Every structure is written in structure tokens, then in C-alpha cells.
Amino acid sequence: MRRGDAVGFQRLANPMENKMNKVKFLRSWSVAVGSMDAMTGLLLILVPALVLRMLKIEPPSRDALVFLSWIGVFVMAVGLSYAMALGGRTRGETVWTFTALVRILVALFLVIRILDGTMDKTWALVGASDGIVGVLQIVILRAGWWKKVPK
């Protein structure tokens, strides 16, 4: 166990370390996840009810859809921020740390709201995907993969 890893998440990253080019993975992940969020955000801005129907989530009233579009701006901004991760190690570590924080907070919010009954359980897919991506980014950050990227 590496120093500062009381939970033992490093064991998850270690088997992957020997099997792939870390720099290539970091860049590919940033492009893929960033594109996913940027497109989702753009779709939330333009056609929020369609996005919800695709996720099997009941859309709110027509007048409330504007708030989903507003949230779409933030989702798109998170996605676009991954482009900065392609600018070197310091930027990559910063972007991954910040986006992991955002994703974990979104996942936590959704878990609380689903459990207290204020949001439908169909939102669990969004919470699970954000939670998994956020935790995986933290694991890879803690494993030091970004240290392989030139500053």
C-alpha cells in the first residue's frame, strides 16, 4: 500500500499500470470523457426533454426545462475543461482533480436525493457514472500516472 492510501485504492490501479501506455490513456480518457460531458451538456441546453427520455427519466413540466438547460451549461463546461488536461501535467492533474470533485459531489447529491425520495431512482445511472469516473480519476491521480506526462 502506498503512503496516503488508507482505503487501498492503489490496488485497483496497479494491474492496469503494466498493461498500457499511461500518457496515451490519460489523453484518450480526457478526450472521451470530456466529449461525453460536452455533448450531454449541449443536448441538455438544446433538447433537455429528449435527454431525459433517453435516460428513461420522466421530464419535468415544460416551464422547468429551462433549469435543465441551465444545468447543461455547467455539464458542458465540465466537459470542455478536459481539453485543458491535454496541455501538460500540471493542467491535467488540476483538471482531473477538479472534475473528480464535481463528479463525486454530483453522485453524492443524487444518492441523497434518491434515498430521501425527492428524485426518482432512474437518476441512479447518472450518479453511478459520475461516481465511477470521479473515483477512477482519483485512483489514477494517487497512482501518479500524471507524473509520466511532460510539464
Protein backbone atom coordinates (compact mmCIF):
# COMPACT_ATOMS: atom_id res chain seq x y z
CA MET A 1 0.00 0.00 0.00
CA ARG A 2 1.35 3.40 -0.97
CA ARG A 3 1.67 6.19 1.54
CA GLY A 4 -1.58 8.13 1.99
CA ASP A 5 -3.74 5.30 0.65
CA ALA A 6 -5.61 4.20 3.77
CA VAL A 7 -8.51 2.83 1.74
CA GLY A 8 -6.33 0.74 -0.58
CA PHE A 9 -7.49 2.16 -3.92
CA GLN A 10 -3.97 1.82 -5.35
CA ARG A 11 -4.52 -1.93 -5.73
CA LEU A 12 -7.11 -1.10 -8.39
CA ALA A 13 -4.66 0.93 -10.48
CA ASN A 14 -1.59 -1.29 -10.15
CA PRO A 15 -2.72 -4.10 -12.51
CA MET A 16 -3.54 -1.52 -15.20
CA GLU A 17 -0.15 0.18 -14.88
CA ASN A 18 1.84 -2.54 -16.62
CA LYS A 19 -0.60 -3.08 -19.48
CA MET A 20 -0.91 0.30 -21.13
CA ASN A 21 0.83 3.47 -22.09
CA LYS A 22 -0.22 5.80 -19.26
CA VAL A 23 0.17 9.04 -21.19
CA LYS A 24 -1.91 7.71 -24.08
CA PHE A 25 -4.59 6.51 -21.66
CA LEU A 26 -4.74 9.88 -19.85
CA ARG A 27 -5.16 11.75 -23.12
CA SER A 28 -7.71 9.30 -24.52
CA TRP A 29 -9.70 9.35 -21.29
CA SER A 30 -9.70 13.15 -21.21
CA VAL A 31 -10.92 13.35 -24.81
CA ALA A 32 -13.57 10.63 -24.38
CA VAL A 33 -14.99 11.74 -21.03
CA GLY A 34 -14.72 15.41 -21.93
CA SER A 35 -16.54 14.84 -25.22
CA MET A 36 -19.25 12.84 -23.45
CA ASP A 37 -19.92 15.67 -20.99
CA ALA A 38 -19.64 18.44 -23.59
CA MET A 39 -22.16 16.71 -25.86
CA THR A 40 -24.50 15.85 -22.98
CA GLY A 41 -24.36 19.47 -21.82
CA LEU A 42 -25.04 20.78 -25.30
CA LEU A 43 -28.01 18.42 -25.68
CA LEU A 44 -29.33 19.49 -22.26
CA ILE A 45 -29.16 23.10 -23.44
CA LEU A 46 -30.89 22.44 -26.77
CA VAL A 47 -33.26 19.49 -26.12
CA PRO A 48 -33.43 18.75 -22.38
CA ALA A 49 -36.62 16.65 -22.55
CA LEU A 50 -35.07 14.38 -25.18
CA VAL A 51 -32.01 13.76 -23.00
CA LEU A 52 -34.21 12.79 -20.08
CA ARG A 53 -36.33 10.48 -22.24
CA MET A 54 -33.13 8.78 -23.49
CA LEU A 55 -32.19 8.18 -19.85
CA LYS A 56 -35.71 6.86 -19.11
CA ILE A 57 -36.28 9.80 -16.75
CA GLU A 58 -39.68 11.50 -16.66
CA PRO A 59 -39.21 15.10 -17.83
CA PRO A 60 -40.45 17.86 -15.50
CA SER A 61 -43.04 20.41 -16.54
CA ARG A 62 -42.33 22.45 -19.66
CA ASP A 63 -41.56 25.60 -17.67
CA ALA A 64 -38.98 23.73 -15.55
CA LEU A 65 -37.00 22.55 -18.60
CA VAL A 66 -35.17 25.89 -18.71
CA PHE A 67 -33.42 24.88 -15.48
CA LEU A 68 -32.19 21.67 -17.10
CA SER A 69 -30.80 23.78 -19.93
CA TRP A 70 -29.06 25.94 -17.34
CA ILE A 71 -27.55 22.81 -15.74
CA GLY A 72 -26.49 21.81 -19.27
CA VAL A 73 -24.23 24.85 -19.39
CA PHE A 74 -22.36 23.55 -16.33
CA VAL A 75 -22.20 19.99 -17.65
CA MET A 76 -20.81 21.28 -20.95
CA ALA A 77 -18.27 23.44 -19.11
CA VAL A 78 -17.01 20.41 -17.16
CA GLY A 79 -16.68 18.51 -20.43
CA LEU A 80 -14.84 21.31 -22.18
CA SER A 81 -12.47 21.68 -19.22
CA TYR A 82 -10.96 18.29 -20.09
CA ALA A 83 -9.39 19.94 -23.16
CA MET A 84 -7.13 21.85 -20.77
CA ALA A 85 -5.87 18.50 -19.44
CA LEU A 86 -4.17 17.99 -22.81
CA GLY A 87 -1.89 20.96 -22.06
CA GLY A 88 0.56 19.14 -19.78
CA ARG A 89 0.99 17.51 -16.41
CA THR A 90 0.06 20.41 -14.12
CA ARG A 91 -3.07 21.23 -16.09
CA GLY A 92 -4.02 17.58 -16.35
CA GLU A 93 -3.69 16.97 -12.62
CA THR A 94 -5.67 20.12 -11.87
CA VAL A 95 -8.49 19.34 -14.31
CA TRP A 96 -8.75 15.72 -13.17
CA THR A 97 -8.79 16.73 -9.50
CA PHE A 98 -11.47 19.37 -10.03
CA THR A 99 -13.67 17.25 -12.29
CA ALA A 100 -13.37 14.29 -9.92
CA LEU A 101 -14.57 16.54 -7.09
CA VAL A 102 -17.52 17.77 -9.15
CA ARG A 103 -18.47 14.24 -10.19
CA ILE A 104 -18.26 12.83 -6.66
CA LEU A 105 -20.37 15.71 -5.32
CA VAL A 106 -22.99 15.14 -8.05
CA ALA A 107 -23.04 11.41 -7.24
CA LEU A 108 -23.40 12.13 -3.52
CA PHE A 109 -26.20 14.64 -4.15
CA LEU A 110 -28.09 12.14 -6.31
CA VAL A 111 -27.69 9.32 -3.79
CA ILE A 112 -29.10 11.53 -1.02
CA ARG A 113 -31.99 12.75 -3.18
CA ILE A 114 -32.85 9.25 -4.41
CA LEU A 115 -32.78 7.86 -0.88
CA ASP A 116 -34.96 10.66 0.54
CA GLY A 117 -37.44 10.18 -2.31
CA THR A 118 -37.15 13.64 -3.88
CA MET A 119 -35.62 12.21 -7.07
CA ASP A 120 -36.59 9.07 -8.92
CA LYS A 121 -34.30 6.03 -8.80
CA THR A 122 -33.79 6.32 -12.57
CA TRP A 123 -31.29 9.09 -11.74
CA ALA A 124 -29.03 6.39 -10.26
CA LEU A 125 -27.43 5.82 -13.68
CA VAL A 126 -26.21 9.43 -13.73
CA GLY A 127 -24.98 9.18 -10.13
CA ALA A 128 -23.23 5.86 -10.73
CA SER A 129 -21.45 7.04 -13.87
CA ASP A 130 -20.27 10.26 -12.22
CA GLY A 131 -19.19 8.39 -9.09
CA ILE A 132 -17.26 5.75 -11.02
CA VAL A 133 -15.50 8.29 -13.24
CA GLY A 134 -14.68 10.51 -10.24
CA VAL A 135 -13.28 7.67 -8.11
CA LEU A 136 -11.28 6.24 -11.03
CA GLN A 137 -9.73 9.64 -11.69
CA ILE A 138 -8.75 9.96 -8.02
CA VAL A 139 -7.22 6.45 -8.06
CA ILE A 140 -5.17 7.27 -11.16
CA LEU A 141 -4.09 10.63 -9.72
CA ARG A 142 -2.99 8.91 -6.49
CA ALA A 143 -1.13 6.27 -8.51
CA GLY A 144 0.96 9.08 -10.04
CA TRP A 145 0.19 8.42 -13.69
CA TRP A 146 0.26 12.14 -14.49
CA LYS A 147 3.91 12.22 -13.38
CA LYS A 148 4.71 10.50 -16.71
CA VAL A 149 3.32 13.46 -18.66
CA PRO A 150 5.79 16.26 -19.51
CA LYS A 151 5.12 19.54 -17.72
